[in-house]
N, C-alpha and C. Protein backbone atom coordinates (compact mmCIF):
# COMPACT_ATOMS: atom_id res chain seq x y z
N MET A 1 8.74 11.54 -18.52
CA MET A 1 9.21 11.34 -17.17
C MET A 1 8.07 10.47 -16.49
N ASN A 2 8.62 9.47 -15.70
CA ASN A 2 7.67 8.54 -14.85
C ASN A 2 7.24 9.41 -13.59
N GLY A 3 6.04 9.13 -13.31
CA GLY A 3 5.62 9.70 -11.95
C GLY A 3 6.28 8.76 -10.84
N PHE A 4 6.62 9.48 -9.81
CA PHE A 4 7.25 8.84 -8.73
C PHE A 4 6.26 8.05 -7.83
N GLY A 5 6.52 6.89 -7.34
CA GLY A 5 5.51 6.19 -6.51
C GLY A 5 6.27 5.21 -5.61
N ILE A 6 5.68 4.87 -4.44
CA ILE A 6 6.08 3.91 -3.57
C ILE A 6 4.92 3.06 -3.01
N ASP A 7 5.15 1.77 -3.11
CA ASP A 7 4.08 0.81 -2.73
C ASP A 7 4.83 -0.02 -1.69
N VAL A 8 4.09 -0.45 -0.57
CA VAL A 8 4.65 -1.37 0.46
C VAL A 8 3.82 -2.50 0.57
N GLN A 9 4.41 -3.72 0.49
CA GLN A 9 3.64 -5.02 0.60
C GLN A 9 4.49 -5.89 1.65
N GLN A 10 3.83 -6.85 2.26
CA GLN A 10 4.50 -7.82 3.13
C GLN A 10 4.67 -9.11 2.23
N ARG A 11 5.82 -9.63 2.25
CA ARG A 11 6.26 -10.89 1.57
C ARG A 11 7.34 -11.67 2.24
N ASP A 12 7.02 -12.93 2.62
CA ASP A 12 7.93 -13.83 3.15
C ASP A 12 8.75 -13.19 4.38
N GLY A 13 8.06 -12.50 5.25
CA GLY A 13 8.68 -12.00 6.41
C GLY A 13 9.35 -10.65 6.20
N CYS A 14 9.33 -10.12 4.88
CA CYS A 14 9.94 -8.88 4.53
C CYS A 14 9.02 -7.81 4.17
N ALA A 15 9.38 -6.59 4.46
CA ALA A 15 8.59 -5.52 3.88
C ALA A 15 9.08 -5.06 2.53
N VAL A 16 8.25 -5.26 1.50
CA VAL A 16 8.81 -4.96 0.06
C VAL A 16 8.39 -3.62 -0.33
N LEU A 17 9.36 -2.78 -0.53
CA LEU A 17 9.19 -1.34 -0.79
C LEU A 17 9.33 -1.17 -2.38
N SER A 18 8.41 -1.11 -3.11
CA SER A 18 8.38 -1.05 -4.62
C SER A 18 8.51 0.39 -4.95
N VAL A 19 9.55 0.95 -5.60
CA VAL A 19 9.72 2.29 -5.91
C VAL A 19 9.75 2.40 -7.59
N SER A 20 8.87 3.26 -8.02
CA SER A 20 8.83 3.52 -9.49
C SER A 20 9.13 5.04 -9.75
N GLY A 21 9.57 5.13 -10.97
CA GLY A 21 9.78 6.51 -11.51
C GLY A 21 11.26 6.92 -11.17
N GLU A 22 11.51 8.27 -10.99
CA GLU A 22 12.84 8.79 -10.72
C GLU A 22 13.11 9.15 -9.21
N VAL A 23 14.25 8.61 -8.68
CA VAL A 23 14.58 8.88 -7.36
C VAL A 23 15.70 9.92 -7.32
N ASP A 24 15.32 11.24 -7.07
CA ASP A 24 16.24 12.20 -7.15
C ASP A 24 16.07 13.23 -6.02
N LEU A 25 16.59 14.30 -6.19
CA LEU A 25 16.54 15.37 -5.09
C LEU A 25 15.05 15.62 -4.66
N ALA A 26 14.23 15.72 -5.54
CA ALA A 26 12.84 15.99 -5.26
C ALA A 26 12.05 14.82 -4.57
N THR A 27 12.43 13.51 -4.91
CA THR A 27 11.69 12.46 -4.38
C THR A 27 12.43 11.60 -3.34
N ALA A 28 13.68 11.74 -3.24
CA ALA A 28 14.46 11.00 -2.20
C ALA A 28 13.97 11.20 -0.78
N PRO A 29 13.49 12.34 -0.33
CA PRO A 29 13.00 12.64 1.04
C PRO A 29 11.81 11.69 1.33
N GLN A 30 10.96 11.38 0.32
CA GLN A 30 9.79 10.59 0.50
C GLN A 30 10.19 9.01 0.76
N LEU A 31 11.29 8.67 -0.10
CA LEU A 31 11.85 7.30 0.09
C LEU A 31 12.49 7.23 1.46
N ARG A 32 13.32 8.21 1.80
CA ARG A 32 13.99 8.19 3.25
C ARG A 32 12.82 8.06 4.30
N GLN A 33 11.86 8.77 4.21
CA GLN A 33 10.83 8.89 5.28
C GLN A 33 10.03 7.46 5.33
N GLN A 34 9.86 6.93 4.18
CA GLN A 34 9.10 5.58 4.15
C GLN A 34 10.01 4.57 4.73
N LEU A 35 11.41 4.64 4.50
CA LEU A 35 12.19 3.70 5.25
C LEU A 35 12.18 3.91 6.85
N VAL A 36 12.30 5.17 7.11
CA VAL A 36 12.30 5.54 8.60
C VAL A 36 11.01 4.95 9.20
N ASP A 37 9.78 5.09 8.58
CA ASP A 37 8.59 4.65 8.97
C ASP A 37 8.48 3.12 9.11
N LEU A 38 9.09 2.39 8.18
CA LEU A 38 9.09 0.95 8.28
C LEU A 38 9.86 0.47 9.45
N VAL A 39 11.07 1.06 9.63
CA VAL A 39 11.92 0.61 10.81
C VAL A 39 11.24 1.00 12.11
N THR A 40 10.65 2.12 12.18
CA THR A 40 9.82 2.61 13.40
C THR A 40 8.63 1.69 13.72
N ASP A 41 8.12 1.17 12.59
CA ASP A 41 6.99 0.20 12.72
C ASP A 41 7.46 -1.27 13.06
N GLY A 42 8.80 -1.43 13.26
CA GLY A 42 9.29 -2.67 13.59
C GLY A 42 9.76 -3.65 12.56
N HIS A 43 9.77 -3.21 11.28
CA HIS A 43 10.23 -4.06 10.20
C HIS A 43 11.78 -4.14 10.39
N ARG A 44 12.26 -5.33 10.23
CA ARG A 44 13.84 -5.60 10.31
C ARG A 44 14.29 -6.26 8.94
N CYS A 45 13.50 -6.51 8.11
CA CYS A 45 13.94 -7.00 6.81
C CYS A 45 13.24 -6.17 5.69
N ILE A 46 13.94 -5.28 4.97
CA ILE A 46 13.31 -4.44 3.99
C ILE A 46 13.94 -4.84 2.63
N VAL A 47 13.16 -5.10 1.69
CA VAL A 47 13.55 -5.30 0.32
C VAL A 47 13.11 -4.08 -0.48
N VAL A 48 13.98 -3.31 -1.00
CA VAL A 48 13.72 -2.14 -1.89
C VAL A 48 13.80 -2.53 -3.32
N ASP A 49 12.66 -2.57 -3.93
CA ASP A 49 12.51 -3.06 -5.27
C ASP A 49 12.55 -1.82 -6.24
N LEU A 50 13.71 -1.65 -6.88
CA LEU A 50 14.03 -0.62 -7.75
C LEU A 50 13.88 -0.98 -9.35
N SER A 51 13.14 -2.12 -9.56
CA SER A 51 12.99 -2.54 -10.88
C SER A 51 12.11 -1.70 -11.73
N GLY A 52 11.26 -0.91 -11.04
CA GLY A 52 10.46 0.06 -11.70
C GLY A 52 11.08 1.46 -11.67
N THR A 53 12.35 1.57 -11.24
CA THR A 53 13.02 2.89 -11.24
C THR A 53 13.94 3.14 -12.51
N ASP A 54 13.86 4.18 -13.13
CA ASP A 54 14.65 4.42 -14.21
C ASP A 54 15.68 5.44 -14.11
N PHE A 55 15.74 5.98 -12.90
CA PHE A 55 16.73 6.94 -12.55
C PHE A 55 17.03 7.01 -11.00
N LEU A 56 18.25 7.12 -10.73
CA LEU A 56 18.58 7.18 -9.36
C LEU A 56 19.87 8.06 -9.18
N ASP A 57 19.76 9.17 -8.39
CA ASP A 57 20.98 10.02 -8.21
C ASP A 57 21.56 9.91 -6.85
N SER A 58 22.52 10.72 -6.53
CA SER A 58 23.26 10.52 -5.35
C SER A 58 22.30 10.82 -4.03
N THR A 59 21.34 11.63 -4.17
CA THR A 59 20.40 11.84 -3.00
C THR A 59 19.57 10.57 -2.85
N GLY A 60 19.18 9.96 -3.89
CA GLY A 60 18.38 8.67 -3.73
C GLY A 60 19.29 7.54 -3.13
N LEU A 61 20.56 7.60 -3.61
CA LEU A 61 21.45 6.64 -2.94
C LEU A 61 21.64 6.98 -1.48
N GLY A 62 21.81 8.21 -1.15
CA GLY A 62 21.98 8.62 0.26
C GLY A 62 20.84 8.26 1.21
N ALA A 63 19.60 8.28 0.48
CA ALA A 63 18.37 7.84 1.21
C ALA A 63 18.44 6.42 1.57
N LEU A 64 18.93 5.60 0.63
CA LEU A 64 19.02 4.10 0.79
C LEU A 64 20.09 3.76 1.87
N VAL A 65 21.29 4.43 1.86
CA VAL A 65 22.29 4.22 2.73
C VAL A 65 21.88 4.67 4.22
N ALA A 66 21.11 5.87 4.27
CA ALA A 66 20.60 6.25 5.67
C ALA A 66 19.69 5.11 6.22
N GLY A 67 18.75 4.61 5.26
CA GLY A 67 17.87 3.60 5.66
C GLY A 67 18.54 2.41 6.15
N LEU A 68 19.65 1.98 5.41
CA LEU A 68 20.48 0.87 5.82
C LEU A 68 21.10 1.02 7.18
N LYS A 69 21.58 2.22 7.47
CA LYS A 69 22.27 2.48 8.73
C LYS A 69 21.28 2.38 9.79
N ARG A 70 20.08 2.86 9.63
CA ARG A 70 19.03 2.88 10.56
C ARG A 70 18.55 1.46 11.07
N LEU A 71 18.36 0.71 9.85
CA LEU A 71 18.06 -0.80 9.98
C LEU A 71 19.09 -1.57 10.69
N ARG A 72 20.37 -1.30 10.32
CA ARG A 72 21.53 -2.08 10.98
C ARG A 72 21.64 -1.74 12.45
N ALA A 73 21.24 -0.44 12.80
CA ALA A 73 21.17 -0.14 14.27
C ALA A 73 20.13 -0.84 15.14
N HIS A 74 19.13 -1.41 14.30
CA HIS A 74 18.17 -2.18 14.85
C HIS A 74 18.27 -3.74 14.59
N ASP A 75 19.43 -4.17 14.25
CA ASP A 75 19.73 -5.48 13.89
C ASP A 75 18.88 -5.95 12.72
N GLY A 76 18.69 -4.99 11.73
CA GLY A 76 17.90 -5.42 10.55
C GLY A 76 18.74 -5.40 9.33
N GLU A 77 18.16 -5.71 8.28
CA GLU A 77 18.92 -5.71 6.96
C GLU A 77 18.03 -5.30 5.81
N MET A 78 18.85 -4.82 4.89
CA MET A 78 18.15 -4.28 3.59
C MET A 78 18.72 -4.95 2.39
N ARG A 79 17.84 -5.32 1.42
CA ARG A 79 18.42 -5.93 0.19
C ARG A 79 17.66 -5.13 -0.99
N VAL A 80 18.38 -4.97 -2.02
CA VAL A 80 17.84 -4.18 -3.17
C VAL A 80 17.68 -4.97 -4.28
N VAL A 81 16.55 -4.77 -5.08
CA VAL A 81 16.32 -5.44 -6.26
C VAL A 81 16.60 -4.39 -7.36
N CYS A 82 17.56 -4.64 -8.27
CA CYS A 82 17.93 -3.67 -9.22
C CYS A 82 18.17 -4.39 -10.55
N THR A 83 17.24 -4.09 -11.61
CA THR A 83 17.37 -4.77 -12.83
C THR A 83 17.73 -3.86 -13.97
N THR A 84 17.66 -2.47 -13.74
CA THR A 84 17.93 -1.55 -14.67
C THR A 84 19.46 -1.17 -14.74
N PRO A 85 20.15 -1.51 -15.85
CA PRO A 85 21.59 -1.23 -16.05
C PRO A 85 22.03 0.12 -15.62
N ARG A 86 21.27 1.01 -15.89
CA ARG A 86 21.69 2.57 -15.57
C ARG A 86 21.67 2.65 -14.13
N VAL A 87 20.79 2.16 -13.40
CA VAL A 87 20.58 2.31 -11.98
C VAL A 87 21.66 1.53 -11.32
N ARG A 88 21.85 0.19 -11.55
CA ARG A 88 22.81 -0.67 -11.20
C ARG A 88 24.28 -0.07 -11.17
N LYS A 89 24.55 0.73 -12.28
CA LYS A 89 25.79 1.22 -12.48
C LYS A 89 26.13 2.34 -11.33
N VAL A 90 25.18 2.95 -10.92
CA VAL A 90 25.17 3.97 -9.81
C VAL A 90 25.77 3.26 -8.52
N PHE A 91 25.11 2.05 -8.24
CA PHE A 91 25.54 1.30 -7.11
C PHE A 91 27.04 0.81 -7.40
N GLU A 92 27.39 0.40 -8.50
CA GLU A 92 28.77 -0.13 -8.73
C GLU A 92 29.81 0.92 -8.72
N LEU A 93 29.47 2.09 -9.39
CA LEU A 93 30.47 3.12 -9.44
C LEU A 93 30.80 3.74 -7.97
N THR A 94 29.79 3.67 -7.17
CA THR A 94 30.00 4.26 -5.82
C THR A 94 30.40 3.20 -4.82
N HIS A 95 30.39 1.95 -5.31
CA HIS A 95 30.93 0.75 -4.43
C HIS A 95 29.79 0.50 -3.38
N VAL A 96 28.65 1.16 -3.53
CA VAL A 96 27.57 0.81 -2.50
C VAL A 96 27.13 -0.65 -2.53
N ASP A 97 27.31 -1.24 -3.81
CA ASP A 97 26.86 -2.57 -4.10
C ASP A 97 27.66 -3.65 -3.13
N ARG A 98 28.68 -3.05 -2.53
CA ARG A 98 29.49 -3.82 -1.57
C ARG A 98 28.90 -3.93 -0.18
N VAL A 99 28.12 -3.00 0.15
CA VAL A 99 27.46 -2.97 1.40
C VAL A 99 25.94 -3.28 1.36
N LEU A 100 25.42 -3.01 0.15
CA LEU A 100 23.99 -3.21 -0.02
C LEU A 100 23.80 -4.29 -1.09
N PRO A 101 23.52 -5.44 -0.79
CA PRO A 101 23.32 -6.58 -1.80
C PRO A 101 22.32 -6.32 -2.79
N LEU A 102 22.65 -6.50 -4.07
CA LEU A 102 21.69 -6.33 -5.31
C LEU A 102 21.24 -7.64 -5.72
N PHE A 103 20.02 -7.70 -6.02
CA PHE A 103 19.33 -8.97 -6.47
C PHE A 103 18.60 -8.69 -7.74
N GLU A 104 18.34 -9.77 -8.54
CA GLU A 104 17.57 -9.70 -9.78
C GLU A 104 16.15 -9.72 -9.61
N SER A 105 15.59 -10.31 -8.48
CA SER A 105 14.12 -10.39 -8.31
C SER A 105 13.74 -10.28 -6.88
N VAL A 106 12.39 -9.86 -6.67
CA VAL A 106 12.06 -9.82 -5.15
C VAL A 106 12.07 -11.16 -4.64
N ASP A 107 11.69 -12.25 -5.27
CA ASP A 107 11.75 -13.63 -4.77
C ASP A 107 13.18 -13.96 -4.21
N GLU A 108 14.13 -13.65 -5.08
CA GLU A 108 15.56 -13.94 -4.79
C GLU A 108 15.89 -13.16 -3.59
N ALA A 109 15.57 -11.96 -3.45
CA ALA A 109 15.91 -10.99 -2.27
C ALA A 109 15.29 -11.56 -0.99
N CYS A 110 13.93 -11.83 -1.12
CA CYS A 110 13.36 -12.38 0.13
C CYS A 110 13.87 -13.69 0.60
N ALA A 111 14.36 -14.43 -0.29
CA ALA A 111 14.86 -15.81 0.05
C ALA A 111 16.26 -15.81 0.62
N ALA A 112 16.93 -14.68 0.25
CA ALA A 112 18.42 -14.64 0.71
C ALA A 112 18.53 -14.64 2.27
């Protein structure tokens, strides 16, 4: 099992939130809180980099959707970098990829 971690960096006017490990019932609240903090701090473009994430469950997806709703309420936007097929499938099966754009790289997401 990978240890869960979150790292935040600034890049091209976006806050890049790099998430590693598993995003599940135990770790999703930390992800949700980090997104809330970023929006509260005034960030309006957040790129969530899940390329280091090997597992995402419905609570993790819920944390991302909650963050997206909060951002949109402040005229912001969220983009997700998702390169792991298993994690991408969660977005596709739930149709969340229709409201949350998925990208192959942080560069691509920041440039969008």
